[in-house]
Amino acid sequence: MSLEGIKIGFCMTGSFCTFEKAFSAAEALREKGGILVPVMSYNAAGLSTRFGTAEENLRRLEDISKSKVITSIEEAEPIGPKKMCDVMVVAPCTSNTAAKLAMGIVDTPVTMAVKSHLRNSGPVVIAISTNDALAGSAKNIGYLQNYRNYYFVPYSQDSYLKKPVSAVADFTLIPEAVESALEGRQLQPLIRKAED
């Protein structure tokens, strides 16, 4: 399936260790013809870490998307009313953001972008990245997997010996997960072989 001309909301939240994978996924979506509408949570846009400064990360996403990053709730609110996106991707999606989405809490640009997009019953693709996916966050991931219009990028335990309850999506599968979501299908298998 081609993504030519498909408007893709590309939301990033604060799992900074997966930013490089997220940027690569955004580039892959662009290469397949997708038009990116970039959104960053307050933490993703505002915190500098060992994985890059806030300014570098903002500039990188803008360079990839060829568009200004949405960084406020006010800027994200029109996404639904203006039908700015055909599909919404949250990559990475932290456990904090997953919990807010599961409970309908809107207090960041990303949660507003998703809520606004869902008013049109559009698909939302989640690329989970959290150290407690199989513990405290499991219930919220379960809620989202049960909700209509939510689709997950297949994930696995990323280091089951060192971090036994941690899981992360396979970011290389984001384009395929987007294509499946646009067809109303969950990409399978959802849970992949764990990394050592």
C-alpha atoms as a PDB file:
ATOM      1  CA  MET A   1       0.000   0.000   0.000  1.00  0.00           C
ATOM      2  CA  SER A   2       1.267   3.458  -0.862  1.00  0.00           C
ATOM      3  CA  LEU A   3       1.112   6.262   1.672  1.00  0.00           C
ATOM      4  CA  GLU A   4       1.276   8.845  -1.119  1.00  0.00           C
ATOM      5  CA  GLY A   5      -0.682  11.903  -0.022  1.00  0.00           C
ATOM      6  CA  ILE A   6      -1.770  10.346   3.303  1.00  0.00           C
ATOM      7  CA  LYS A   7      -1.729  12.949   6.082  1.00  0.00           C
ATOM      8  CA  ILE A   8       0.000  11.409   9.090  1.00  0.00           C
ATOM      9  CA  GLY A   9       0.027  13.036  12.498  1.00  0.00           C
ATOM     10  CA  PHE A  10       3.430  12.117  13.934  1.00  0.00           C
ATOM     11  CA  CYS A  11       3.457  12.602  17.704  1.00  0.00           C
ATOM     12  CA  MET A  12       6.511  12.171  19.912  1.00  0.00           C
ATOM     13  CA  THR A  13       6.476  11.856  23.702  1.00  0.00           C
ATOM     14  CA  GLY A  14       9.344  11.696  26.170  1.00  0.00           C
ATOM     15  CA  SER A  15      10.906   8.258  25.764  1.00  0.00           C
ATOM     16  CA  PHE A  16      14.126   9.906  24.668  1.00  0.00           C
ATOM     17  CA  CYS A  17      16.116   6.675  24.250  1.00  0.00           C
ATOM     18  CA  THR A  18      13.899   5.789  21.273  1.00  0.00           C
ATOM     19  CA  PHE A  19      14.025   9.199  19.555  1.00  0.00           C
ATOM     20  CA  GLU A  20      16.548   8.078  16.953  1.00  0.00           C
ATOM     21  CA  LYS A  21      14.279   5.159  16.011  1.00  0.00           C
ATOM     22  CA  ALA A  22      11.288   7.521  15.883  1.00  0.00           C
ATOM     23  CA  PHE A  23      13.112   9.921  13.574  1.00  0.00           C
ATOM     24  CA  SER A  24      14.025   7.016  11.275  1.00  0.00           C
ATOM     25  CA  ALA A  25      10.366   5.921  11.233  1.00  0.00           C
ATOM     26  CA  ALA A  26       9.265   9.463  10.362  1.00  0.00           C
ATOM     27  CA  GLU A  27      11.760   9.473   7.483  1.00  0.00           C
ATOM     28  CA  ALA A  28      10.427   6.100   6.276  1.00  0.00           C
ATOM     29  CA  LEU A  29       6.850   7.444   6.292  1.00  0.00           C
ATOM     30  CA  ARG A  30       7.968  10.450   4.247  1.00  0.00           C
ATOM     31  CA  GLU A  31       9.810   8.209   1.791  1.00  0.00           C
ATOM     32  CA  LYS A  32       6.567   6.270   1.247  1.00  0.00           C
ATOM     33  CA  GLY A  33       4.817   9.535   0.319  1.00  0.00           C
ATOM     34  CA  GLY A  34       3.243  10.420   3.661  1.00  0.00           C
ATOM     35  CA  ILE A  35       2.643  14.059   4.576  1.00  0.00           C
ATOM     36  CA  LEU A  36       3.675  14.519   8.205  1.00  0.00           C
ATOM     37  CA  VAL A  37       1.913  16.752  10.718  1.00  0.00           C
ATOM     38  CA  PRO A  38       4.484  16.778  13.557  1.00  0.00           C
ATOM     39  CA  VAL A  39       3.466  17.084  17.219  1.00  0.00           C
ATOM     40  CA  MET A  40       5.593  16.919  20.375  1.00  0.00           C
ATOM     41  CA  SER A  41       4.564  16.687  24.012  1.00  0.00           C
ATOM     42  CA  TYR A  42       5.830  19.360  26.372  1.00  0.00           C
ATOM     43  CA  ASN A  43       8.580  17.049  27.628  1.00  0.00           C
ATOM     44  CA  ALA A  44       9.607  15.845  24.172  1.00  0.00           C
ATOM     45  CA  ALA A  45       9.863  19.429  22.922  1.00  0.00           C
ATOM     46  CA  GLY A  46      11.275  21.006  26.057  1.00  0.00           C
ATOM     47  CA  LEU A  47      13.770  18.698  27.731  1.00  0.00           C
ATOM     48  CA  SER A  48      17.417  18.323  26.795  1.00  0.00           C
ATOM     49  CA  THR A  49      18.908  14.909  27.561  1.00  0.00           C
ATOM     50  CA  ARG A  50      21.929  12.796  26.693  1.00  0.00           C
ATOM     51  CA  PHE A  51      19.948  11.860  23.554  1.00  0.00           C
ATOM     52  CA  GLY A  52      19.982  15.436  22.261  1.00  0.00           C
ATOM     53  CA  THR A  53      18.970  18.943  23.175  1.00  0.00           C
ATOM     54  CA  ALA A  54      15.388  20.099  22.936  1.00  0.00           C
ATOM     55  CA  GLU A  55      16.354  22.441  20.100  1.00  0.00           C
ATOM     56  CA  GLU A  56      18.116  19.674  18.151  1.00  0.00           C
ATOM     57  CA  ASN A  57      15.149  17.319  18.476  1.00  0.00           C
ATOM     58  CA  LEU A  58      12.637  19.973  17.405  1.00  0.00           C
ATOM     59  CA  ARG A  59      14.776  20.958  14.434  1.00  0.00           C
ATOM     60  CA  ARG A  60      15.279  17.306  13.422  1.00  0.00           C
ATOM     61  CA  LEU A  61      11.534  16.607  13.334  1.00  0.00           C
ATOM     62  CA  GLU A  62      10.886  19.832  11.440  1.00  0.00           C
ATOM     63  CA  ASP A  63      13.590  18.951   8.903  1.00  0.00           C
ATOM     64  CA  ILE A  64      12.071  15.507   8.346  1.00  0.00           C
ATOM     65  CA  SER A  65       8.456  16.676   8.167  1.00  0.00           C
ATOM     66  CA  LYS A  66       9.121  19.950   6.335  1.00  0.00           C
ATOM     67  CA  SER A  67       6.640  21.500   8.747  1.00  0.00           C
ATOM     68  CA  LYS A  68       6.599  23.395  12.041  1.00  0.00           C
ATOM     69  CA  VAL A  69       6.161  21.110  15.056  1.00  0.00           C
ATOM     70  CA  ILE A  70       2.932  21.585  17.009  1.00  0.00           C
ATOM     71  CA  THR A  71       4.002  22.188  20.618  1.00  0.00           C
ATOM     72  CA  SER A  72       0.892  23.549  22.340  1.00  0.00           C
ATOM     73  CA  ILE A  73      -2.615  22.353  23.138  1.00  0.00           C
ATOM     74  CA  GLU A  74      -4.033  25.359  21.275  1.00  0.00           C
ATOM     75  CA  GLU A  75      -2.168  24.414  18.089  1.00  0.00           C
ATOM     76  CA  ALA A  76      -3.247  20.749  18.362  1.00  0.00           C
ATOM     77  CA  GLU A  77      -6.962  21.369  18.948  1.00  0.00           C
ATOM     78  CA  PRO A  78      -7.857  22.125  15.266  1.00  0.00           C
ATOM     79  CA  ILE A  79      -6.468  18.776  14.034  1.00  0.00           C
ATOM     80  CA  GLY A  80      -9.886  17.135  14.206  1.00  0.00           C
ATOM     81  CA  PRO A  81     -12.155  20.016  13.170  1.00  0.00           C
ATOM     82  CA  LYS A  82      -9.907  20.828  10.178  1.00  0.00           C
ATOM     83  CA  LYS A  83      -9.430  17.115   9.325  1.00  0.00           C
ATOM     84  CA  MET A  84      -5.677  17.645   9.237  1.00  0.00           C
ATOM     85  CA  CYS A  85      -4.788  13.927   9.530  1.00  0.00           C
ATOM     86  CA  ASP A  86      -5.891  10.620   8.021  1.00  0.00           C
ATOM     87  CA  VAL A  87      -4.020   8.653  10.694  1.00  0.00           C
ATOM     88  CA  MET A  88      -2.252   9.574  13.932  1.00  0.00           C
ATOM     89  CA  VAL A  89       0.992   7.923  15.104  1.00  0.00           C
ATOM     90  CA  VAL A  90       2.328   8.250  18.662  1.00  0.00           C
ATOM     91  CA  ALA A  91       5.976   7.189  18.531  1.00  0.00           C
ATOM     92  CA  PRO A  92       7.328   6.853  21.097  1.00  0.00           C
ATOM     93  CA  CYS A  93       4.298   6.552  23.361  1.00  0.00           C
ATOM     94  CA  THR A  94       5.331   6.580  27.025  1.00  0.00           C
ATOM     95  CA  SER A  95       3.376   4.856  29.774  1.00  0.00           C
ATOM     96  CA  ASN A  96       2.390   8.317  31.018  1.00  0.00           C
ATOM     97  CA  THR A  97       0.817   9.207  27.662  1.00  0.00           C
ATOM     98  CA  ALA A  98      -0.789   5.766  27.322  1.00  0.00           C
ATOM     99  CA  ALA A  99      -2.418   6.212  30.748  1.00  0.00           C
ATOM    100  CA  LYS A 100      -3.744   9.636  29.793  1.00  0.00           C
ATOM    101  CA  LEU A 101      -5.139   8.341  26.498  1.00  0.00           C
ATOM    102  CA  ALA A 102      -6.756   5.386  28.269  1.00  0.00           C
ATOM    103  CA  MET A 103      -8.430   7.706  30.778  1.00  0.00           C
ATOM    104  CA  GLY A 104      -9.308  10.503  28.337  1.00  0.00           C
ATOM    105  CA  ILE A 105      -6.978  13.056  29.965  1.00  0.00           C
ATOM    106  CA  VAL A 106      -5.968  15.954  27.716  1.00  0.00           C
ATOM    107  CA  ASP A 107      -3.096  18.002  29.121  1.00  0.00           C
ATOM    108  CA  THR A 108      -0.361  17.923  26.457  1.00  0.00           C
ATOM    109  CA  PRO A 109      -0.199  18.719  22.731  1.00  0.00           C
ATOM    110  CA  VAL A 110      -0.041  14.974  21.974  1.00  0.00           C
ATOM    111  CA  THR A 111      -3.075  13.979  24.027  1.00  0.00           C
ATOM    112  CA  MET A 112      -5.019  16.874  22.493  1.00  0.00           C
ATOM    113  CA  ALA A 113      -3.898  15.866  18.987  1.00  0.00           C
ATOM    114  CA  VAL A 114      -5.118  12.298  19.536  1.00  0.00           C
ATOM    115  CA  LYS A 115      -8.409  13.389  21.109  1.00  0.00           C
ATOM    116  CA  SER A 116      -9.051  15.876  18.327  1.00  0.00           C
ATOM    117  CA  HIS A 117      -8.224  13.286  15.656  1.00  0.00           C
ATOM    118  CA  LEU A 118     -10.499  10.679  17.276  1.00  0.00           C
ATOM    119  CA  ARG A 119     -13.530  12.939  16.910  1.00  0.00           C
ATOM    120  CA  ASN A 120     -13.432  11.871  13.248  1.00  0.00           C
ATOM    121  CA  SER A 121     -13.007   8.178  14.198  1.00  0.00           C
ATOM    122  CA  GLY A 122      -9.576   8.145  12.586  1.00  0.00           C
ATOM    123  CA  PRO A 123      -7.036   5.424  13.377  1.00  0.00           C
ATOM    124  CA  VAL A 124      -4.391   5.997  16.066  1.00  0.00           C
ATOM    125  CA  VAL A 125      -1.192   3.932  15.916  1.00  0.00           C
ATOM    126  CA  ILE A 126       0.670   3.490  19.215  1.00  0.00           C
ATOM    127  CA  ALA A 127       4.398   2.652  19.380  1.00  0.00           C
ATOM    128  CA  ILE A 128       4.742   1.856  23.065  1.00  0.00           C
ATOM    129  CA  SER A 129       8.032   2.440  24.879  1.00  0.00           C
ATOM    130  CA  THR A 130       8.004   1.975  28.633  1.00  0.00           C
ATOM    131  CA  ASN A 131       9.960   0.281  31.406  1.00  0.00           C
ATOM    132  CA  ASP A 132       6.776  -0.924  33.139  1.00  0.00           C
ATOM    133  CA  ALA A 133       4.652  -2.257  30.263  1.00  0.00           C
ATOM    134  CA  LEU A 134       4.198  -5.611  32.010  1.00  0.00           C
ATOM    135  CA  ALA A 135       3.615  -4.048  35.430  1.00  0.00           C
ATOM    136  CA  GLY A 136       1.914  -0.764  36.353  1.00  0.00           C
ATOM    137  CA  SER A 137       1.227   0.237  32.745  1.00  0.00           C
ATOM    138  CA  ALA A 138      -0.175  -3.102  31.600  1.00  0.00           C
ATOM    139  CA  LYS A 139      -3.772  -2.158  32.414  1.00  0.00           C
ATOM    140  CA  ASN A 140      -3.602   1.049  30.359  1.00  0.00           C
ATOM    141  CA  ILE A 141      -2.051  -0.724  27.392  1.00  0.00           C
ATOM    142  CA  GLY A 142      -4.834  -3.312  27.717  1.00  0.00           C
ATOM    143  CA  TYR A 143      -7.494  -0.599  27.742  1.00  0.00           C
ATOM    144  CA  LEU A 144      -6.093   0.980  24.581  1.00  0.00           C
ATOM    145  CA  GLN A 145      -5.796  -2.371  22.802  1.00  0.00           C
ATOM    146  CA  ASN A 146      -9.485  -2.875  23.544  1.00  0.00           C
ATOM    147  CA  TYR A 147     -10.629   0.558  22.342  1.00  0.00           C
ATOM    148  CA  ARG A 148     -11.936   1.156  18.845  1.00  0.00           C
ATOM    149  CA  ASN A 149      -9.628   3.077  16.483  1.00  0.00           C
ATOM    150  CA  TYR A 150      -6.430   2.222  18.412  1.00  0.00           C
ATOM    151  CA  TYR A 151      -3.791   0.041  16.762  1.00  0.00           C
ATOM    152  CA  PHE A 152      -0.415  -0.969  18.136  1.00  0.00           C
ATOM    153  CA  VAL A 153       2.952  -1.264  16.491  1.00  0.00           C
ATOM    154  CA  PRO A 154       4.100  -4.806  17.386  1.00  0.00           C
ATOM    155  CA  TYR A 155       6.272  -4.803  20.493  1.00  0.00           C
ATOM    156  CA  SER A 156       8.479  -7.049  22.599  1.00  0.00           C
ATOM    157  CA  GLN A 157      10.384  -7.076  25.843  1.00  0.00           C
ATOM    158  CA  ASP A 158      13.468  -5.050  25.027  1.00  0.00           C
ATOM    159  CA  SER A 159      15.784  -6.526  27.668  1.00  0.00           C
ATOM    160  CA  TYR A 160      13.958  -9.163  29.684  1.00  0.00           C
ATOM    161  CA  LEU A 161      16.990 -10.140  31.780  1.00  0.00           C
ATOM    162  CA  LYS A 162      17.874  -6.597  32.872  1.00  0.00           C
ATOM    163  CA  LYS A 163      14.392  -5.023  32.650  1.00  0.00           C
ATOM    164  CA  PRO A 164      11.859  -7.858  33.028  1.00  0.00           C
ATOM    165  CA  VAL A 165       8.719  -5.702  32.732  1.00  0.00           C
ATOM    166  CA  SER A 166       9.927  -3.339  29.996  1.00  0.00           C
ATOM    167  CA  ALA A 167       8.602  -3.366  26.412  1.00  0.00           C
ATOM    168  CA  VAL A 168       9.231  -1.341  23.293  1.00  0.00           C
ATOM    169  CA  ALA A 169       7.671  -1.274  19.849  1.00  0.00           C
ATOM    170  CA  ASP A 170       9.592  -2.285  16.753  1.00  0.00           C
ATOM    171  CA  PHE A 171       9.821   1.168  15.186  1.00  0.00           C
ATOM    172  CA  THR A 172      10.827  -0.305  11.812  1.00  0.00           C
ATOM    173  CA  LEU A 173       7.270  -1.670  11.587  1.00  0.00           C
ATOM    174  CA  ILE A 174       5.602   1.747  11.904  1.00  0.00           C
ATOM    175  CA  PRO A 175       4.954   2.189   8.150  1.00  0.00           C
ATOM    176  CA  GLU A 176       3.429  -1.286   7.930  1.00  0.00           C
ATOM    177  CA  ALA A 177       1.374  -0.678  11.099  1.00  0.00           C
ATOM    178  CA  VAL A 178       0.077   2.583   9.599  1.00  0.00           C
ATOM    179  CA  GLU A 179      -0.934   0.815   6.381  1.00  0.00           C
ATOM    180  CA  SER A 180      -2.756  -1.870   8.393  1.00  0.00           C
ATOM    181  CA  ALA A 181      -4.509   0.697  10.583  1.00  0.00           C
ATOM    182  CA  LEU A 182      -5.738   2.574   7.517  1.00  0.00           C
ATOM    183  CA  GLU A 183      -7.316  -0.725   6.425  1.00  0.00           C
ATOM    184  CA  GLY A 184      -8.834  -1.231   9.894  1.00  0.00           C
ATOM    185  CA  ARG A 185      -6.518  -4.117  10.784  1.00  0.00           C
ATOM    186  CA  GLN A 186      -4.169  -4.707  13.715  1.00  0.00           C
ATOM    187  CA  LEU A 187      -0.749  -5.750  12.410  1.00  0.00           C
ATOM    188  CA  GLN A 188       0.030  -9.270  13.648  1.00  0.00           C
ATOM    189  CA  PRO A 189       1.646 -10.834  15.502  1.00  0.00           C
ATOM    190  CA  LEU A 190       1.256  -8.071  18.047  1.00  0.00           C
ATOM    191  CA  ILE A 191       3.820  -9.453  20.495  1.00  0.00           C
ATOM    192  CA  ARG A 192       7.129 -10.362  18.899  1.00  0.00           C
ATOM    193  CA  LYS A 193      10.128 -12.373  20.103  1.00  0.00           C
ATOM    194  CA  ALA A 194      11.857 -10.681  23.020  1.00  0.00           C
ATOM    195  CA  GLU A 195      15.391  -9.371  22.808  1.00  0.00           C
ATOM    196  CA  ASP A 196      17.972 -10.886  25.175  1.00  0.00           C
END
